[in-house]
Amino acid sequence: MLKKERVEYIANELEALYPETPVPLAHSDPYTLLVAVLLSAQCTDERVNKITPALWRLANNPFDMAKAPVDEIQKIIRPCGLSPRKSKAISTLSQILVEDYNGEVPADMDALEQLPGVGHKTASVVMSQAFGVPAFPVDTHIHRLAQRWGLTNGKNVVQTEKDLKRLFPKNRWNKLHLQIIFYGREYCTARGCDGTICPICTSCYPNRKKTKKIHKA
């Protein structure tokens, strides 16, 4: 397939497999989504979803979270890993939201990226899933699959994001990034597929015999 044909095929296959794309992280508003995405760094969504109910009982808004003792936050989120850093970030960003944004999560990429513990990927997820602003957050699944499917050279996640945004229409970005994640977890896993096994890989590259080497995120 030519790249243009691969892009169209992949988009159609993912739409057929995942017509609905619920956000994997349980949340009730932009603030709880922001905190959940922050917690998901180097942690599974499943584990985050097990932890957050207890965290929301402690505080589910920036006003209450800003007042909560950091050690209490850390105790709850410890199973997510990196708890000292994440608990401090959650506390501090909550204080900033209260002091600078009247307790509201800003619908602005630059403002989000200035918050403690919030990088470009986290900000992109919040912009896309909380506010519906077109974004293409690239996680390890997307970075891996984009390389296996020949959509990017995969030198880094920044380049992968640029390449995917260039290849797919903007009105598909928010849904497509979740569809790729779902497919990467179900079919084209890190160990379960090497670029020669899953349906999309074999359809896009039927003559590929060797493992597709990828650059890690």
Protein backbone atom coordinates (compact mmCIF):
# COMPACT_ATOMS: atom_id res chain seq x y z
CA MET A 1 0.00 0.00 0.00
CA LEU A 2 1.03 3.57 -0.57
CA LYS A 3 1.09 5.76 2.53
CA LYS A 4 -2.14 7.52 1.50
CA GLU A 5 -3.83 4.13 1.13
CA ARG A 6 -2.50 2.97 4.50
CA VAL A 7 -3.80 6.10 6.22
CA GLU A 8 -7.28 5.62 4.75
CA TYR A 9 -7.30 1.90 5.51
CA ILE A 10 -6.15 2.37 9.10
CA ALA A 11 -8.70 5.11 9.76
CA ASN A 12 -11.53 2.96 8.38
CA GLU A 13 -10.47 -0.17 10.27
CA LEU A 14 -10.19 1.67 13.57
CA GLU A 15 -13.58 3.30 13.07
CA ALA A 16 -15.13 -0.10 12.39
CA LEU A 17 -13.51 -1.64 15.47
CA TYR A 18 -14.06 1.28 17.84
CA PRO A 19 -17.02 3.41 16.79
CA GLU A 20 -17.35 4.58 20.38
CA THR A 21 -14.32 5.93 22.24
CA PRO A 22 -15.01 6.42 25.95
CA VAL A 23 -12.14 8.04 27.82
CA PRO A 24 -10.40 5.19 29.71
CA LEU A 25 -9.76 7.32 32.80
CA ALA A 26 -12.80 7.73 35.03
CA HIS A 27 -13.55 11.41 35.68
CA SER A 28 -16.44 13.81 36.16
CA ASP A 29 -15.06 17.15 34.99
CA PRO A 30 -11.90 18.79 33.57
CA TYR A 31 -10.24 18.92 36.99
CA THR A 32 -10.67 15.23 37.82
CA LEU A 33 -9.55 14.35 34.28
CA LEU A 34 -6.44 16.52 34.68
CA VAL A 35 -5.49 14.81 37.94
CA ALA A 36 -6.24 11.34 36.58
CA VAL A 37 -4.07 11.90 33.50
CA LEU A 38 -1.27 13.21 35.71
CA LEU A 39 -1.52 10.04 37.82
CA SER A 40 -1.43 7.82 34.73
CA ALA A 41 2.20 8.68 33.98
CA GLN A 42 4.11 5.37 34.18
CA CYS A 43 0.95 3.75 35.55
CA THR A 44 -1.94 1.86 33.94
CA ASP A 45 -5.34 3.47 33.50
CA GLU A 46 -6.84 0.48 35.32
CA ARG A 47 -4.79 1.17 38.43
CA VAL A 48 -5.53 4.88 38.31
CA ASN A 49 -9.26 4.13 38.18
CA LYS A 50 -8.91 1.97 41.30
CA ILE A 51 -7.11 4.75 43.17
CA THR A 52 -9.06 7.86 42.23
CA PRO A 53 -12.34 7.09 44.08
CA ALA A 54 -10.45 7.34 47.36
CA LEU A 55 -8.70 10.49 46.19
CA TRP A 56 -12.01 12.10 45.20
CA ARG A 57 -13.39 11.30 48.64
CA LEU A 58 -10.52 13.31 50.06
CA ALA A 59 -10.98 16.11 47.53
CA ASN A 60 -12.55 16.23 44.06
CA ASN A 61 -12.02 19.91 43.32
CA PRO A 62 -9.04 22.28 43.47
CA PHE A 63 -10.38 24.22 46.46
CA ASP A 64 -10.48 21.14 48.71
CA MET A 65 -7.36 19.57 47.20
CA ALA A 66 -5.34 22.73 47.85
CA LYS A 67 -6.20 22.40 51.54
CA ALA A 68 -5.52 18.65 51.78
CA PRO A 69 -2.23 17.61 53.41
CA VAL A 70 0.27 16.47 50.79
CA ASP A 71 1.10 13.39 52.84
CA GLU A 72 -2.58 12.36 52.74
CA ILE A 73 -2.61 12.72 48.95
CA GLN A 74 0.62 10.75 48.70
CA LYS A 75 -0.70 7.95 50.90
CA ILE A 76 -3.70 7.45 48.63
CA ILE A 77 -1.87 7.62 45.30
CA ARG A 78 1.19 5.57 46.31
CA PRO A 79 0.13 2.52 44.23
CA CYS A 80 0.34 4.69 41.09
CA GLY A 81 4.07 5.19 41.53
CA LEU A 82 6.12 8.38 41.74
CA SER A 83 3.83 9.39 44.59
CA PRO A 84 6.10 12.02 46.20
CA ARG A 85 6.37 13.97 42.96
CA LYS A 86 2.77 13.45 41.86
CA SER A 87 1.26 14.37 45.23
CA LYS A 88 3.23 17.60 45.37
CA ALA A 89 2.24 18.43 41.79
CA ILE A 90 -1.45 17.78 42.48
CA SER A 91 -1.35 19.98 45.57
CA THR A 92 0.54 22.81 43.92
CA LEU A 93 -1.45 22.86 40.67
CA SER A 94 -4.65 22.91 42.73
CA GLN A 95 -3.40 25.96 44.59
CA ILE A 96 -2.54 27.65 41.28
CA LEU A 97 -5.98 26.90 39.86
CA VAL A 98 -7.60 28.45 42.93
CA GLU A 99 -5.37 31.51 43.02
CA ASP A 100 -5.06 32.24 39.29
CA TYR A 101 -8.07 30.66 37.61
CA ASN A 102 -10.90 30.84 40.18
CA GLY A 103 -10.72 27.09 40.60
CA GLU A 104 -11.29 26.37 36.91
CA VAL A 105 -9.04 24.33 34.64
CA PRO A 106 -7.97 26.66 31.82
CA ALA A 107 -8.92 25.61 28.31
CA ASP A 108 -5.56 26.78 27.05
CA MET A 109 -2.64 24.56 26.05
CA ASP A 110 0.08 26.96 27.14
CA ALA A 111 -1.55 27.61 30.51
CA LEU A 112 -1.97 23.89 31.15
CA GLU A 113 1.64 23.15 30.29
CA GLN A 114 2.75 25.68 32.89
CA LEU A 115 1.05 23.73 35.69
CA PRO A 116 3.29 21.48 37.84
CA GLY A 117 3.40 17.89 36.64
CA VAL A 118 1.55 18.70 33.41
CA GLY A 119 3.51 18.05 30.26
CA HIS A 120 2.48 18.38 26.64
CA LYS A 121 0.80 14.97 26.46
CA THR A 122 -1.26 15.56 29.61
CA ALA A 123 -2.28 19.01 28.41
CA SER A 124 -3.23 17.56 25.01
CA VAL A 125 -5.46 14.92 26.60
CA VAL A 126 -7.25 17.53 28.69
CA MET A 127 -7.69 19.88 25.74
CA SER A 128 -9.07 17.12 23.53
CA GLN A 129 -11.20 15.13 25.97
CA ALA A 130 -12.35 17.82 28.40
CA PHE A 131 -12.75 20.74 26.03
CA GLY A 132 -13.11 19.14 22.60
CA VAL A 133 -10.18 21.07 21.14
CA PRO A 134 -8.43 19.09 18.37
CA ALA A 135 -5.22 17.55 19.70
CA PHE A 136 -3.28 14.34 19.09
CA PRO A 137 -1.72 13.18 22.37
CA VAL A 138 0.96 10.59 21.66
CA ASP A 139 1.58 7.90 24.27
CA THR A 140 3.74 4.78 24.03
CA HIS A 141 1.03 2.80 22.20
CA ILE A 142 0.55 5.45 19.53
CA HIS A 143 4.29 6.01 19.16
CA ARG A 144 4.83 2.27 18.67
CA LEU A 145 1.96 1.68 16.24
CA ALA A 146 2.69 4.74 14.11
CA GLN A 147 6.13 3.29 13.46
CA ARG A 148 4.88 -0.22 12.75
CA TRP A 149 2.35 1.20 10.30
CA GLY A 150 4.92 3.36 8.50
CA LEU A 151 3.28 6.64 9.45
CA THR A 152 6.38 8.16 11.06
CA ASN A 153 10.11 7.53 11.39
CA GLY A 154 9.50 7.54 15.14
CA LYS A 155 12.59 9.45 16.22
CA ASN A 156 10.61 10.89 19.14
CA VAL A 157 7.02 11.51 20.25
CA VAL A 158 7.20 15.13 19.10
CA GLN A 159 7.92 14.06 15.53
CA THR A 160 5.32 11.31 15.71
CA GLU A 161 2.67 13.82 16.78
CA LYS A 162 3.57 16.17 13.93
CA ASP A 163 3.46 13.34 11.39
CA LEU A 164 0.07 12.04 12.55
CA LYS A 165 -1.43 15.52 12.58
CA ARG A 166 -0.23 15.99 9.02
CA LEU A 167 -1.64 12.66 7.81
CA PHE A 168 -5.09 12.64 9.42
CA PRO A 169 -7.81 15.32 9.22
CA LYS A 170 -8.10 17.53 12.29
CA ASN A 171 -11.69 16.52 12.95
CA ARG A 172 -10.52 12.94 13.50
CA TRP A 173 -7.64 13.61 15.91
CA ASN A 174 -9.49 13.43 19.23
CA LYS A 175 -11.24 10.17 18.43
CA LEU A 176 -8.39 8.62 16.49
CA HIS A 177 -5.85 8.93 19.27
CA LEU A 178 -8.11 6.86 21.53
CA GLN A 179 -8.85 4.34 18.78
CA ILE A 180 -5.13 3.76 18.25
CA ILE A 181 -4.61 3.32 21.99
CA PHE A 182 -7.44 0.77 22.16
CA TYR A 183 -6.04 -1.13 19.18
CA GLY A 184 -2.53 -1.06 20.64
CA ARG A 185 -3.78 -2.59 23.85
CA GLU A 186 -5.94 -5.23 22.24
CA TYR A 187 -4.17 -6.29 19.04
CA CYS A 188 -0.82 -4.61 18.46
CA THR A 189 0.73 -4.90 21.90
CA ALA A 190 4.40 -4.28 22.67
CA ARG A 191 5.16 -7.99 23.04
CA GLY A 192 2.22 -9.58 21.22
CA CYS A 193 2.98 -8.07 17.84
CA ASP A 194 6.30 -7.23 16.25
CA GLY A 195 4.89 -5.59 13.15
CA THR A 196 4.13 -8.92 11.45
CA ILE A 197 1.20 -10.35 13.44
CA CYS A 198 -1.79 -8.09 14.08
CA PRO A 199 -4.46 -7.55 11.37
CA ILE A 200 -3.49 -3.97 10.51
CA CYS A 201 0.24 -4.68 10.40
CA THR A 202 -0.22 -7.72 8.15
CA SER A 203 -2.67 -5.87 5.89
CA CYS A 204 -0.44 -2.83 5.50
CA TYR A 205 2.75 -4.87 5.09
CA PRO A 206 1.82 -8.38 3.85
CA ASN A 207 5.39 -9.06 2.73
CA ARG A 208 7.09 -7.97 5.93
CA LYS A 209 8.92 -10.96 7.41
CA LYS A 210 11.22 -9.41 9.99
CA THR A 211 10.40 -7.63 13.23
CA LYS A 212 9.81 -3.93 12.73
CA LYS A 213 12.35 -2.15 14.91
CA ILE A 214 10.96 0.87 16.71
CA HIS A 215 12.39 3.84 18.55
CA LYS A 216 11.11 3.96 22.11
CA ALA A 217 9.25 7.02 23.32
